[in-house]
Amino acid sequence: MEFINHENIKELSNPGVVSRQLITPENSKSERVTITEVHLEIGANQPRHKHNTSEQIWYAVQGTGKLLLAENKEIIFNAGDVVRFADNDIHGLINEGDTEFVYISVTSPPIDFSYAYKNSK
C-alpha cells in the first residue's frame, strides 16, 4: 500500500492552468501510471502536443472544454466525458466555457510533466 499525503502533491502551472501531480515517478513507486488533476481557468488552453511513447486517458470532472486535435479538428468535451489518446495522437484543450474546467489524466507509462510547465510548487 502506498499513501500520498497532500503535502507531497506537486503543482505545476502555466498561465491559467494548474496541474496537480497526484501520482508521479517523483512521489510514488508506481512504474505504470502518472495521474494528474488539471484545472483550466476560463479562456485558458493547453496547446496541441503529443506524447511519443505514452497513452493518456482524460476524464472531464467539471465544465465544458474543447479538445484540440490533429488537422485542426475540435470536439466539445463536457463533464462526464472520457477520451483516450494513443501514443502520438495530437491533443490539446481550451476552456471556452463559463466556469473552471477540471479533468483527471491517467498517463501510461508515466511521464514527468515538469518540462511542459513554467512554474512548480
PDB file of N, CA and C in Angstrom:
ATOM      1  N   MET A   1       0.841  -1.165   0.000  1.00  0.00           N
ATOM      2  CA  MET A   1       0.000   0.000   0.000  1.00  0.00           C
ATOM      3  C   MET A   1       0.888   1.230   0.000  1.00  0.00           C
ATOM      4  N   GLU A   2       0.428   2.240  -0.687  1.00  0.00           N
ATOM      5  CA  GLU A   2       1.173   3.492  -0.744  1.00  0.00           C
ATOM      6  C   GLU A   2       0.199   4.635  -0.497  1.00  0.00           C
ATOM      7  N   PHE A   3       0.542   5.527   0.418  1.00  0.00           N
ATOM      8  CA  PHE A   3      -0.291   6.681   0.746  1.00  0.00           C
ATOM      9  C   PHE A   3       0.466   7.939   0.361  1.00  0.00           C
ATOM     10  N   ILE A   4      -0.175   8.793  -0.425  1.00  0.00           N
ATOM     11  CA  ILE A   4       0.454  10.058  -0.841  1.00  0.00           C
ATOM     12  C   ILE A   4      -0.219  11.185  -0.066  1.00  0.00           C
ATOM     13  N   ASN A   5       0.504  11.776   0.855  1.00  0.00           N
ATOM     14  CA  ASN A   5      -0.008  12.908   1.620  1.00  0.00           C
ATOM     15  C   ASN A   5      -0.125  14.122   0.711  1.00  0.00           C
ATOM     16  N   HIS A   6      -1.149  14.942   0.937  1.00  0.00           N
ATOM     17  CA  HIS A   6      -1.369  16.122   0.085  1.00  0.00           C
ATOM     18  C   HIS A   6      -0.145  17.038   0.036  1.00  0.00           C
ATOM     19  N   GLU A   7       0.685  17.000   1.068  1.00  0.00           N
ATOM     20  CA  GLU A   7       1.902  17.822   1.069  1.00  0.00           C
ATOM     21  C   GLU A   7       2.922  17.348   0.044  1.00  0.00           C
ATOM     22  N   ASN A   8       2.767  16.109  -0.430  1.00  0.00           N
ATOM     23  CA  ASN A   8       3.684  15.548  -1.426  1.00  0.00           C
ATOM     24  C   ASN A   8       3.126  15.603  -2.846  1.00  0.00           C
ATOM     25  N   ILE A   9       2.049  16.365  -3.017  1.00  0.00           N
ATOM     26  CA  ILE A   9       1.466  16.538  -4.345  1.00  0.00           C
ATOM     27  C   ILE A   9       1.949  17.875  -4.896  1.00  0.00           C
ATOM     28  N   LYS A  10       2.799  17.792  -5.888  1.00  0.00           N
ATOM     29  CA  LYS A  10       3.405  18.967  -6.514  1.00  0.00           C
ATOM     30  C   LYS A  10       2.415  19.599  -7.488  1.00  0.00           C
ATOM     31  N   GLU A  11       2.428  20.928  -7.558  1.00  0.00           N
ATOM     32  CA  GLU A  11       1.605  21.643  -8.530  1.00  0.00           C
ATOM     33  C   GLU A  11       2.499  22.290  -9.570  1.00  0.00           C
ATOM     34  N   LEU A  12       2.191  22.020 -10.824  1.00  0.00           N
ATOM     35  CA  LEU A  12       2.871  22.653 -11.946  1.00  0.00           C
ATOM     36  C   LEU A  12       1.892  23.635 -12.557  1.00  0.00           C
ATOM     37  N   SER A  13       2.393  24.770 -13.071  1.00  0.00           N
ATOM     38  CA  SER A  13       1.458  25.738 -13.627  1.00  0.00           C
ATOM     39  C   SER A  13       2.031  26.518 -14.796  1.00  0.00           C
ATOM     40  N   ASN A  14       1.122  26.901 -15.650  1.00  0.00           N
ATOM     41  CA  ASN A  14       1.315  27.865 -16.729  1.00  0.00           C
ATOM     42  C   ASN A  14       0.194  28.873 -16.562  1.00  0.00           C
ATOM     43  N   PRO A  15       0.243  30.003 -17.233  1.00  0.00           N
ATOM     44  CA  PRO A  15      -0.847  30.975 -17.078  1.00  0.00           C
ATOM     45  C   PRO A  15      -2.216  30.336 -17.323  1.00  0.00           C
ATOM     46  N   GLY A  16      -3.073  30.373 -16.293  1.00  0.00           N
ATOM     47  CA  GLY A  16      -4.433  29.866 -16.396  1.00  0.00           C
ATOM     48  C   GLY A  16      -4.579  28.368 -16.239  1.00  0.00           C
ATOM     49  N   VAL A  17      -3.463  27.648 -16.044  1.00  0.00           N
ATOM     50  CA  VAL A  17      -3.513  26.182 -15.952  1.00  0.00           C
ATOM     51  C   VAL A  17      -2.717  25.726 -14.724  1.00  0.00           C
ATOM     52  N   VAL A  18      -3.334  24.874 -13.907  1.00  0.00           N
ATOM     53  CA  VAL A  18      -2.646  24.252 -12.774  1.00  0.00           C
ATOM     54  C   VAL A  18      -2.807  22.748 -12.910  1.00  0.00           C
ATOM     55  N   SER A  19      -1.688  22.026 -12.833  1.00  0.00           N
ATOM     56  CA  SER A  19      -1.684  20.570 -12.934  1.00  0.00           C
ATOM     57  C   SER A  19      -1.158  20.000 -11.626  1.00  0.00           C
ATOM     58  N   ARG A  20      -2.048  19.359 -10.881  1.00  0.00           N
ATOM     59  CA  ARG A  20      -1.680  18.727  -9.608  1.00  0.00           C
ATOM     60  C   ARG A  20      -1.181  17.316  -9.901  1.00  0.00           C
ATOM     61  N   GLN A  21       0.061  17.036  -9.564  1.00  0.00           N
ATOM     62  CA  GLN A  21       0.713  15.766  -9.867  1.00  0.00           C
ATOM     63  C   GLN A  21       0.402  14.747  -8.776  1.00  0.00           C
ATOM     64  N   LEU A  22      -0.747  14.068  -8.897  1.00  0.00           N
ATOM     65  CA  LEU A  22      -1.228  13.177  -7.845  1.00  0.00           C
ATOM     66  C   LEU A  22      -0.349  11.938  -7.664  1.00  0.00           C
ATOM     67  N   ILE A  23      -0.072  11.249  -8.759  1.00  0.00           N
ATOM     68  CA  ILE A  23       0.815  10.079  -8.740  1.00  0.00           C
ATOM     69  C   ILE A  23       1.846  10.297  -9.833  1.00  0.00           C
ATOM     70  N   THR A  24       3.106  10.378  -9.461  1.00  0.00           N
ATOM     71  CA  THR A  24       4.183  10.609 -10.422  1.00  0.00           C
ATOM     72  C   THR A  24       5.401   9.783 -10.017  1.00  0.00           C
ATOM     73  N   PRO A  25       6.360   9.642 -10.910  1.00  0.00           N
ATOM     74  CA  PRO A  25       7.597   8.951 -10.520  1.00  0.00           C
ATOM     75  C   PRO A  25       8.297   9.643  -9.347  1.00  0.00           C
ATOM     76  N   GLU A  26       7.980  10.923  -9.140  1.00  0.00           N
ATOM     77  CA  GLU A  26       8.611  11.701  -8.075  1.00  0.00           C
ATOM     78  C   GLU A  26       8.056  11.391  -6.684  1.00  0.00           C
ATOM     79  N   ASN A  27       6.742  11.043  -6.599  1.00  0.00           N
ATOM     80  CA  ASN A  27       6.148  10.825  -5.274  1.00  0.00           C
ATOM     81  C   ASN A  27       5.598   9.411  -5.070  1.00  0.00           C
ATOM     82  N   SER A  28       5.822   8.529  -6.053  1.00  0.00           N
ATOM     83  CA  SER A  28       5.251   7.190  -5.979  1.00  0.00           C
ATOM     84  C   SER A  28       6.212   6.152  -6.566  1.00  0.00           C
ATOM     85  N   LYS A  29       6.050   4.921  -6.129  1.00  0.00           N
ATOM     86  CA  LYS A  29       6.840   3.829  -6.687  1.00  0.00           C
ATOM     87  C   LYS A  29       6.182   3.239  -7.938  1.00  0.00           C
ATOM     88  N   SER A  30       5.015   3.756  -8.313  1.00  0.00           N
ATOM     89  CA  SER A  30       4.314   3.235  -9.482  1.00  0.00           C
ATOM     90  C   SER A  30       5.175   3.376 -10.731  1.00  0.00           C
ATOM     91  N   GLU A  31       5.300   2.289 -11.449  1.00  0.00           N
ATOM     92  CA  GLU A  31       6.057   2.297 -12.700  1.00  0.00           C
ATOM     93  C   GLU A  31       5.114   2.244 -13.899  1.00  0.00           C
ATOM     94  N   ARG A  32       3.802   2.330 -13.639  1.00  0.00           N
ATOM     95  CA  ARG A  32       2.833   2.144 -14.713  1.00  0.00           C
ATOM     96  C   ARG A  32       2.045   3.379 -15.090  1.00  0.00           C
ATOM     97  N   VAL A  33       1.794   4.294 -14.154  1.00  0.00           N
ATOM     98  CA  VAL A  33       0.940   5.443 -14.472  1.00  0.00           C
ATOM     99  C   VAL A  33       1.410   6.736 -13.815  1.00  0.00           C
ATOM    100  N   THR A  34       1.037   7.821 -14.458  1.00  0.00           N
ATOM    101  CA  THR A  34       1.053   9.149 -13.850  1.00  0.00           C
ATOM    102  C   THR A  34      -0.405   9.587 -13.813  1.00  0.00           C
ATOM    103  N   ILE A  35      -0.852  10.118 -12.683  1.00  0.00           N
ATOM    104  CA  ILE A  35      -2.222  10.620 -12.577  1.00  0.00           C
ATOM    105  C   ILE A  35      -2.144  12.088 -12.183  1.00  0.00           C
ATOM    106  N   THR A  36      -2.819  12.934 -12.954  1.00  0.00           N
ATOM    107  CA  THR A  36      -2.819  14.368 -12.688  1.00  0.00           C
ATOM    108  C   THR A  36      -4.248  14.897 -12.655  1.00  0.00           C
ATOM    109  N   GLU A  37      -4.439  15.966 -11.900  1.00  0.00           N
ATOM    110  CA  GLU A  37      -5.708  16.687 -11.845  1.00  0.00           C
ATOM    111  C   GLU A  37      -5.412  18.064 -12.429  1.00  0.00           C
ATOM    112  N   VAL A  38      -6.058  18.389 -13.539  1.00  0.00           N
ATOM    113  CA  VAL A  38      -5.728  19.608 -14.268  1.00  0.00           C
ATOM    114  C   VAL A  38      -6.897  20.590 -14.209  1.00  0.00           C
ATOM    115  N   HIS A  39      -6.573  21.857 -13.880  1.00  0.00           N
ATOM    116  CA  HIS A  39      -7.564  22.932 -13.787  1.00  0.00           C
ATOM    117  C   HIS A  39      -7.229  24.001 -14.825  1.00  0.00           C
ATOM    118  N   LEU A  40      -8.228  24.368 -15.631  1.00  0.00           N
ATOM    119  CA  LEU A  40      -8.053  25.444 -16.614  1.00  0.00           C
ATOM    120  C   LEU A  40      -9.043  26.561 -16.314  1.00  0.00           C
ATOM    121  N   GLU A  41      -8.531  27.762 -16.116  1.00  0.00           N
ATOM    122  CA  GLU A  41      -9.398  28.924 -15.943  1.00  0.00           C
ATOM    123  C   GLU A  41     -10.137  29.193 -17.248  1.00  0.00           C
ATOM    124  N   ILE A  42     -11.189  29.976 -17.182  1.00  0.00           N
ATOM    125  CA  ILE A  42     -11.935  30.367 -18.379  1.00  0.00           C
ATOM    126  C   ILE A  42     -10.963  30.994 -19.378  1.00  0.00           C
ATOM    127  N   GLY A  43     -10.990  30.498 -20.610  1.00  0.00           N
ATOM    128  CA  GLY A  43     -10.134  31.025 -21.670  1.00  0.00           C
ATOM    129  C   GLY A  43      -8.745  30.408 -21.741  1.00  0.00           C
ATOM    130  N   ALA A  44      -8.355  29.657 -20.721  1.00  0.00           N
ATOM    131  CA  ALA A  44      -7.014  29.053 -20.712  1.00  0.00           C
ATOM    132  C   ALA A  44      -6.960  27.867 -21.677  1.00  0.00           C
ATOM    133  N   ASN A  45      -5.736  27.540 -22.111  1.00  0.00           N
ATOM    134  CA  ASN A  45      -5.602  26.409 -23.022  1.00  0.00           C
ATOM    135  C   ASN A  45      -4.304  25.661 -22.803  1.00  0.00           C
ATOM    136  N   GLN A  46      -4.326  24.438 -23.286  1.00  0.00           N
ATOM    137  CA  GLN A  46      -3.133  23.597 -23.393  1.00  0.00           C
ATOM    138  C   GLN A  46      -2.957  23.376 -24.891  1.00  0.00           C
ATOM    139  N   PRO A  47      -1.899  23.906 -25.476  1.00  0.00           N
ATOM    140  CA  PRO A  47      -1.722  23.801 -26.928  1.00  0.00           C
ATOM    141  C   PRO A  47      -1.630  22.355 -27.400  1.00  0.00           C
ATOM    142  N   ARG A  48      -1.913  22.166 -28.663  1.00  0.00           N
ATOM    143  CA  ARG A  48      -1.779  20.837 -29.271  1.00  0.00           C
ATOM    144  C   ARG A  48      -0.358  20.310 -29.053  1.00  0.00           C
ATOM    145  N   HIS A  49      -0.277  19.039 -28.714  1.00  0.00           N
ATOM    146  CA  HIS A  49       1.010  18.375 -28.487  1.00  0.00           C
ATOM    147  C   HIS A  49       0.780  16.869 -28.607  1.00  0.00           C
ATOM    148  N   LYS A  50       1.837  16.085 -28.450  1.00  0.00           N
ATOM    149  CA  LYS A  50       1.710  14.630 -28.452  1.00  0.00           C
ATOM    150  C   LYS A  50       2.736  14.022 -27.517  1.00  0.00           C
ATOM    151  N   HIS A  51       2.502  12.781 -27.153  1.00  0.00           N
ATOM    152  CA  HIS A  51       3.438  12.016 -26.334  1.00  0.00           C
ATOM    153  C   HIS A  51       3.852  10.804 -27.163  1.00  0.00           C
ATOM    154  N   ASN A  52       5.117  10.710 -27.483  1.00  0.00           N
ATOM    155  CA  ASN A  52       5.597   9.673 -28.403  1.00  0.00           C
ATOM    156  C   ASN A  52       5.448   8.257 -27.878  1.00  0.00           C
ATOM    157  N   THR A  53       5.602   8.080 -26.578  1.00  0.00           N
ATOM    158  CA  THR A  53       5.621   6.711 -26.058  1.00  0.00           C
ATOM    159  C   THR A  53       4.655   6.472 -24.899  1.00  0.00           C
ATOM    160  N   SER A  54       3.652   7.320 -24.749  1.00  0.00           N
ATOM    161  CA  SER A  54       2.660   7.138 -23.685  1.00  0.00           C
ATOM    162  C   SER A  54       1.263   7.406 -24.220  1.00  0.00           C
ATOM    163  N   GLU A  55       0.301   6.668 -23.677  1.00  0.00           N
ATOM    164  CA  GLU A  55      -1.094   6.965 -23.968  1.00  0.00           C
ATOM    165  C   GLU A  55      -1.672   7.711 -22.780  1.00  0.00           C
ATOM    166  N   GLN A  56      -2.764   8.465 -23.026  1.00  0.00           N
ATOM    167  CA  GLN A  56      -3.421   9.204 -21.956  1.00  0.00           C
ATOM    168  C   GLN A  56      -4.923   8.970 -22.031  1.00  0.00           C
ATOM    169  N   ILE A  57      -5.529   8.958 -20.848  1.00  0.00           N
ATOM    170  CA  ILE A  57      -6.978   8.939 -20.735  1.00  0.00           C
ATOM    171  C   ILE A  57      -7.365  10.142 -19.904  1.00  0.00           C
ATOM    172  N   TRP A  58      -8.280  10.945 -20.427  1.00  0.00           N
ATOM    173  CA  TRP A  58      -8.780  12.120 -19.708  1.00  0.00           C
ATOM    174  C   TRP A  58     -10.232  11.893 -19.330  1.00  0.00           C
ATOM    175  N   TYR A  59     -10.558  12.229 -18.077  1.00  0.00           N
ATOM    176  CA  TYR A  59     -11.934  12.195 -17.577  1.00  0.00           C
ATOM    177  C   TYR A  59     -12.310  13.612 -17.162  1.00  0.00           C
ATOM    178  N   ALA A  60     -13.305  14.180 -17.843  1.00  0.00           N
ATOM    179  CA  ALA A  60     -13.745  15.549 -17.537  1.00  0.00           C
ATOM    180  C   ALA A  60     -14.607  15.530 -16.282  1.00  0.00           C
ATOM    181  N   VAL A  61     -14.178  16.289 -15.283  1.00  0.00           N
ATOM    182  CA  VAL A  61     -14.854  16.323 -13.995  1.00  0.00           C
ATOM    183  C   VAL A  61     -15.806  17.504 -13.883  1.00  0.00           C
ATOM    184  N   GLN A  62     -15.408  18.661 -14.439  1.00  0.00           N
ATOM    185  CA  GLN A  62     -16.197  19.883 -14.274  1.00  0.00           C
ATOM    186  C   GLN A  62     -16.047  20.781 -15.497  1.00  0.00           C
ATOM    187  N   GLY A  63     -17.156  21.340 -15.959  1.00  0.00           N
ATOM    188  CA  GLY A  63     -17.113  22.347 -17.007  1.00  0.00           C
ATOM    189  C   GLY A  63     -17.268  21.796 -18.415  1.00  0.00           C
ATOM    190  N   THR A  64     -17.023  22.688 -19.360  1.00  0.00           N
ATOM    191  CA  THR A  64     -17.083  22.362 -20.784  1.00  0.00           C
ATOM    192  C   THR A  64     -15.826  22.902 -21.444  1.00  0.00           C
ATOM    193  N   GLY A  65     -15.167  22.043 -22.186  1.00  0.00           N
ATOM    194  CA  GLY A  65     -13.966  22.450 -22.905  1.00  0.00           C
ATOM    195  C   GLY A  65     -14.061  22.017 -24.348  1.00  0.00           C
ATOM    196  N   LYS A  66     -13.006  22.280 -25.082  1.00  0.00           N
ATOM    197  CA  LYS A  66     -12.939  21.873 -26.470  1.00  0.00           C
ATOM    198  C   LYS A  66     -11.605  21.173 -26.681  1.00  0.00           C
ATOM    199  N   LEU A  67     -11.679  19.916 -27.144  1.00  0.00           N
ATOM    200  CA  LEU A  67     -10.468  19.172 -27.465  1.00  0.00           C
ATOM    201  C   LEU A  67      -9.884  19.713 -28.762  1.00  0.00           C
ATOM    202  N   LEU A  68      -8.584  19.931 -28.770  1.00  0.00           N
ATOM    203  CA  LEU A  68      -7.870  20.419 -29.950  1.00  0.00           C
ATOM    204  C   LEU A  68      -7.087  19.237 -30.513  1.00  0.00           C
ATOM    205  N   LEU A  69      -7.502  18.752 -31.683  1.00  0.00           N
ATOM    206  CA  LEU A  69      -6.954  17.525 -32.235  1.00  0.00           C
ATOM    207  C   LEU A  69      -6.169  17.778 -33.515  1.00  0.00           C
ATOM    208  N   ALA A  70      -5.653  16.709 -34.112  1.00  0.00           N
ATOM    209  CA  ALA A  70      -4.879  16.808 -35.357  1.00  0.00           C
ATOM    210  C   ALA A  70      -5.739  17.407 -36.468  1.00  0.00           C
ATOM    211  N   GLU A  71      -5.064  18.009 -37.439  1.00  0.00           N
ATOM    212  CA  GLU A  71      -5.705  18.606 -38.612  1.00  0.00           C
ATOM    213  C   GLU A  71      -6.759  19.645 -38.235  1.00  0.00           C
ATOM    214  N   ASN A  72      -6.505  20.369 -37.138  1.00  0.00           N
ATOM    215  CA  ASN A  72      -7.383  21.429 -36.638  1.00  0.00           C
ATOM    216  C   ASN A  72      -8.782  20.963 -36.281  1.00  0.00           C
ATOM    217  N   LYS A  73      -8.964  19.670 -36.056  1.00  0.00           N
ATOM    218  CA  LYS A  73     -10.260  19.151 -35.623  1.00  0.00           C
ATOM    219  C   LYS A  73     -10.488  19.537 -34.168  1.00  0.00           C
ATOM    220  N   GLU A  74     -11.755  19.821 -33.825  1.00  0.00           N
ATOM    221  CA  GLU A  74     -12.124  20.191 -32.466  1.00  0.00           C
ATOM    222  C   GLU A  74     -13.386  19.434 -32.066  1.00  0.00           C
ATOM    223  N   ILE A  75     -13.439  18.980 -30.809  1.00  0.00           N
ATOM    224  CA  ILE A  75     -14.597  18.249 -30.287  1.00  0.00           C
ATOM    225  C   ILE A  75     -14.932  18.821 -28.907  1.00  0.00           C
ATOM    226  N   ILE A  76     -16.214  19.058 -28.642  1.00  0.00           N
ATOM    227  CA  ILE A  76     -16.653  19.518 -27.321  1.00  0.00           C
ATOM    228  C   ILE A  76     -16.416  18.396 -26.306  1.00  0.00           C
ATOM    229  N   PHE A  77     -15.894  18.777 -25.145  1.00  0.00           N
ATOM    230  CA  PHE A  77     -15.523  17.844 -24.073  1.00  0.00           C
ATOM    231  C   PHE A  77     -16.210  18.325 -22.801  1.00  0.00           C
ATOM    232  N   ASN A  78     -17.261  17.610 -22.377  1.00  0.00           N
ATOM    233  CA  ASN A  78     -18.080  18.011 -21.234  1.00  0.00           C
ATOM    234  C   ASN A  78     -17.809  17.160 -20.006  1.00  0.00           C
ATOM    235  N   ALA A  79     -18.136  17.711 -18.828  1.00  0.00           N
ATOM    236  CA  ALA A  79     -18.050  16.952 -17.578  1.00  0.00           C
ATOM    237  C   ALA A  79     -18.755  15.615 -17.772  1.00  0.00           C
ATOM    238  N   GLY A  80     -18.102  14.532 -17.365  1.00  0.00           N
ATOM    239  CA  GLY A  80     -18.631  13.188 -17.508  1.00  0.00           C
ATOM    240  C   GLY A  80     -18.093  12.446 -18.722  1.00  0.00           C
ATOM    241  N   ASP A  81     -17.510  13.177 -19.693  1.00  0.00           N
ATOM    242  CA  ASP A  81     -16.941  12.553 -20.887  1.00  0.00           C
ATOM    243  C   ASP A  81     -15.558  11.982 -20.588  1.00  0.00           C
ATOM    244  N   VAL A  82     -15.176  10.960 -21.365  1.00  0.00           N
ATOM    245  CA  VAL A  82     -13.857  10.349 -21.277  1.00  0.00           C
ATOM    246  C   VAL A  82     -13.276  10.293 -22.679  1.00  0.00           C
ATOM    247  N   VAL A  83     -11.984  10.579 -22.807  1.00  0.00           N
ATOM    248  CA  VAL A  83     -11.298  10.475 -24.093  1.00  0.00           C
ATOM    249  C   VAL A  83      -9.972   9.759 -23.877  1.00  0.00           C
ATOM    250  N   ARG A  84      -9.587   8.934 -24.849  1.00  0.00           N
ATOM    251  CA  ARG A  84      -8.304   8.225 -24.796  1.00  0.00           C
ATOM    252  C   ARG A  84      -7.463   8.631 -25.992  1.00  0.00           C
ATOM    253  N   PHE A  85      -6.216   8.999 -25.718  1.00  0.00           N
ATOM    254  CA  PHE A  85      -5.250   9.348 -26.761  1.00  0.00           C
ATOM    255  C   PHE A  85      -4.179   8.270 -26.810  1.00  0.00           C
ATOM    256  N   ALA A  86      -3.993   7.665 -27.967  1.00  0.00           N
ATOM    257  CA  ALA A  86      -2.930   6.677 -28.150  1.00  0.00           C
ATOM    258  C   ALA A  86      -1.588   7.400 -28.285  1.00  0.00           C
ATOM    259  N   ASP A  87      -0.498   6.651 -28.229  1.00  0.00           N
ATOM    260  CA  ASP A  87       0.828   7.222 -28.490  1.00  0.00           C
ATOM    261  C   ASP A  87       0.760   8.043 -29.782  1.00  0.00           C
ATOM    262  N   ASN A  88       1.377   9.201 -29.768  1.00  0.00           N
ATOM    263  CA  ASN A  88       1.491  10.082 -30.937  1.00  0.00           C
ATOM    264  C   ASN A  88       0.203  10.766 -31.381  1.00  0.00           C
ATOM    265  N   ASP A  89      -0.926  10.566 -30.674  1.00  0.00           N
ATOM    266  CA  ASP A  89      -2.138  11.317 -31.018  1.00  0.00           C
ATOM    267  C   ASP A  89      -1.947  12.786 -30.642  1.00  0.00           C
ATOM    268  N   ILE A  90      -2.224  13.669 -31.578  1.00  0.00           N
ATOM    269  CA  ILE A  90      -2.179  15.112 -31.301  1.00  0.00           C
ATOM    270  C   ILE A  90      -3.391  15.457 -30.441  1.00  0.00           C
ATOM    271  N   HIS A  91      -3.155  16.212 -29.368  1.00  0.00           N
ATOM    272  CA  HIS A  91      -4.253  16.614 -28.490  1.00  0.00           C
ATOM    273  C   HIS A  91      -3.900  17.877 -27.726  1.00  0.00           C
ATOM    274  N   GLY A  92      -4.925  18.623 -27.373  1.00  0.00           N
ATOM    275  CA  GLY A  92      -4.813  19.827 -26.564  1.00  0.00           C
ATOM    276  C   GLY A  92      -6.201  20.153 -26.066  1.00  0.00           C
ATOM    277  N   LEU A  93      -6.339  21.272 -25.370  1.00  0.00           N
ATOM    278  CA  LEU A  93      -7.631  21.618 -24.773  1.00  0.00           C
ATOM    279  C   LEU A  93      -7.726  23.119 -24.581  1.00  0.00           C
ATOM    280  N   ILE A  94      -8.924  23.646 -24.792  1.00  0.00           N
ATOM    281  CA  ILE A  94      -9.193  25.041 -24.462  1.00  0.00           C
ATOM    282  C   ILE A  94     -10.483  25.098 -23.653  1.00  0.00           C
ATOM    283  N   ASN A  95     -10.492  25.939 -22.625  1.00  0.00           N
ATOM    284  CA  ASN A  95     -11.695  26.136 -21.827  1.00  0.00           C
ATOM    285  C   ASN A  95     -12.447  27.331 -22.406  1.00  0.00           C
ATOM    286  N   GLU A  96     -13.468  27.051 -23.187  1.00  0.00           N
ATOM    287  CA  GLU A  96     -14.303  28.106 -23.749  1.00  0.00           C
ATOM    288  C   GLU A  96     -15.625  28.227 -23.000  1.00  0.00           C
ATOM    289  N   GLY A  97     -15.729  27.534 -21.861  1.00  0.00           N
ATOM    290  CA  GLY A  97     -16.944  27.575 -21.052  1.00  0.00           C
ATOM    291  C   GLY A  97     -16.994  28.809 -20.169  1.00  0.00           C
ATOM    292  N   ASP A  98     -17.963  28.830 -19.250  1.00  0.00           N
ATOM    293  CA  ASP A  98     -18.139  29.979 -18.367  1.00  0.00           C
ATOM    294  C   ASP A  98     -17.788  29.653 -16.920  1.00  0.00           C
ATOM    295  N   THR A  99     -17.056  28.555 -16.729  1.00  0.00           N
ATOM    296  CA  THR A  99     -16.600  28.157 -15.404  1.00  0.00           C
ATOM    297  C   THR A  99     -15.252  27.439 -15.553  1.00  0.00           C
ATOM    298  N   GLU A 100     -14.571  27.227 -14.454  1.00  0.00           N
ATOM    299  CA  GLU A 100     -13.309  26.483 -14.483  1.00  0.00           C
ATOM    300  C   GLU A 100     -13.554  25.093 -15.078  1.00  0.00           C
ATOM    301  N   PHE A 101     -12.598  24.606 -15.864  1.00  0.00           N
ATOM    302  CA  PHE A 101     -12.671  23.248 -16.413  1.00  0.00           C
ATOM    303  C   PHE A 101     -11.670  22.391 -15.655  1.00  0.00           C
ATOM    304  N   VAL A 102     -12.105  21.200 -15.220  1.00  0.00           N
ATOM    305  CA  VAL A 102     -11.239  20.296 -14.460  1.00  0.00           C
ATOM    306  C   VAL A 102     -11.316  18.912 -15.089  1.00  0.00           C
ATOM    307  N   TYR A 103     -10.139  18.287 -15.271  1.00  0.00           N
ATOM    308  CA  TYR A 103     -10.130  16.904 -15.725  1.00  0.00           C
ATOM    309  C   TYR A 103      -9.027  16.126 -15.009  1.00  0.00           C
ATOM    310  N   ILE A 104      -9.212  14.804 -14.971  1.00  0.00           N
ATOM    311  CA  ILE A 104      -8.221  13.881 -14.436  1.00  0.00           C
ATOM    312  C   ILE A 104      -7.554  13.204 -15.622  1.00  0.00           C
ATOM    313  N   SER A 105      -6.231  13.128 -15.590  1.00  0.00           N
ATOM    314  CA  SER A 105      -5.469  12.495 -16.658  1.00  0.00           C
ATOM    315  C   SER A 105      -4.696  11.305 -16.103  1.00  0.00           C
ATOM    316  N   VAL A 106      -4.806  10.179 -16.801  1.00  0.00           N
ATOM    317  CA  VAL A 106      -4.026   8.986 -16.471  1.00  0.00           C
ATOM    318  C   VAL A 106      -3.103   8.731 -17.661  1.00  0.00           C
ATOM    319  N   THR A 107      -1.798   8.687 -17.408  1.00  0.00           N
ATOM    320  CA  THR A 107      -0.796   8.522 -18.460  1.00  0.00           C
ATOM    321  C   THR A 107       0.013   7.263 -18.191  1.00  0.00           C
ATOM    322  N   SER A 108       0.158   6.448 -19.236  1.00  0.00           N
ATOM    323  CA  SER A 108       0.919   5.205 -19.100  1.00  0.00           C
ATOM    324  C   SER A 108       1.741   4.967 -20.362  1.00  0.00           C
ATOM    325  N   PRO A 109       3.028   4.647 -20.213  1.00  0.00           N
ATOM    326  CA  PRO A 109       3.794   4.675 -18.970  1.00  0.00           C
ATOM    327  C   PRO A 109       3.947   6.111 -18.449  1.00  0.00           C
ATOM    328  N   PRO A 110       4.414   6.241 -17.210  1.00  0.00           N
ATOM    329  CA  PRO A 110       4.497   7.548 -16.560  1.00  0.00           C
ATOM    330  C   PRO A 110       5.354   8.565 -17.316  1.00  0.00           C
ATOM    331  N   ILE A 111       4.969   9.819 -17.159  1.00  0.00           N
ATOM    332  CA  ILE A 111       5.737  10.949 -17.698  1.00  0.00           C
ATOM    333  C   ILE A 111       5.937  11.954 -16.573  1.00  0.00           C
ATOM    334  N   ASP A 112       7.099  12.553 -16.516  1.00  0.00           N
ATOM    335  CA  ASP A 112       7.355  13.695 -15.645  1.00  0.00           C
ATOM    336  C   ASP A 112       7.007  14.931 -16.475  1.00  0.00           C
ATOM    337  N   PHE A 113       5.901  15.587 -16.136  1.00  0.00           N
ATOM    338  CA  PHE A 113       5.395  16.703 -16.937  1.00  0.00           C
ATOM    339  C   PHE A 113       6.046  18.044 -16.633  1.00  0.00           C
ATOM    340  N   SER A 114       7.055  18.081 -15.766  1.00  0.00           N
ATOM    341  CA  SER A 114       7.697  19.359 -15.413  1.00  0.00           C
ATOM    342  C   SER A 114       8.175  20.133 -16.639  1.00  0.00           C
ATOM    343  N   TYR A 115       8.609  19.423 -17.667  1.00  0.00           N
ATOM    344  CA  TYR A 115       9.139  20.076 -18.861  1.00  0.00           C
ATOM    345  C   TYR A 115       8.105  20.988 -19.531  1.00  0.00           C
ATOM    346  N   ALA A 116       6.818  20.719 -19.327  1.00  0.00           N
ATOM    347  CA  ALA A 116       5.766  21.442 -20.042  1.00  0.00           C
ATOM    348  C   ALA A 116       5.220  22.644 -19.274  1.00  0.00           C
ATOM    349  N   TYR A 117       5.715  22.865 -18.053  1.00  0.00           N
ATOM    350  CA  TYR A 117       5.191  23.933 -17.213  1.00  0.00           C
ATOM    351  C   TYR A 117       6.296  24.886 -16.795  1.00  0.00           C
ATOM    352  N   LYS A 118       5.928  26.163 -16.663  1.00  0.00           N
ATOM    353  CA  LYS A 118       6.891  27.190 -16.284  1.00  0.00           C
ATOM    354  C   LYS A 118       7.159  27.236 -14.787  1.00  0.00           C
ATOM    355  N   ASN A 119       6.127  26.937 -13.988  1.00  0.00           N
ATOM    356  CA  ASN A 119       6.259  27.088 -12.543  1.00  0.00           C
ATOM    357  C   ASN A 119       5.910  25.780 -11.832  1.00  0.00           C
ATOM    358  N   SER A 120       6.531  25.577 -10.674  1.00  0.00           N
ATOM    359  CA  SER A 120       6.155  24.436  -9.835  1.00  0.00           C
ATOM    360  C   SER A 120       6.256  24.835  -8.373  1.00  0.00           C
ATOM    361  N   LYS A 121       5.397  24.177  -7.567  1.00  0.00           N
ATOM    362  CA  LYS A 121       5.469  24.366  -6.115  1.00  0.00           C
ATOM    363  C   LYS A 121       5.007  23.128  -5.417  1.00  0.00           C
TER     364      LYS A 121
END
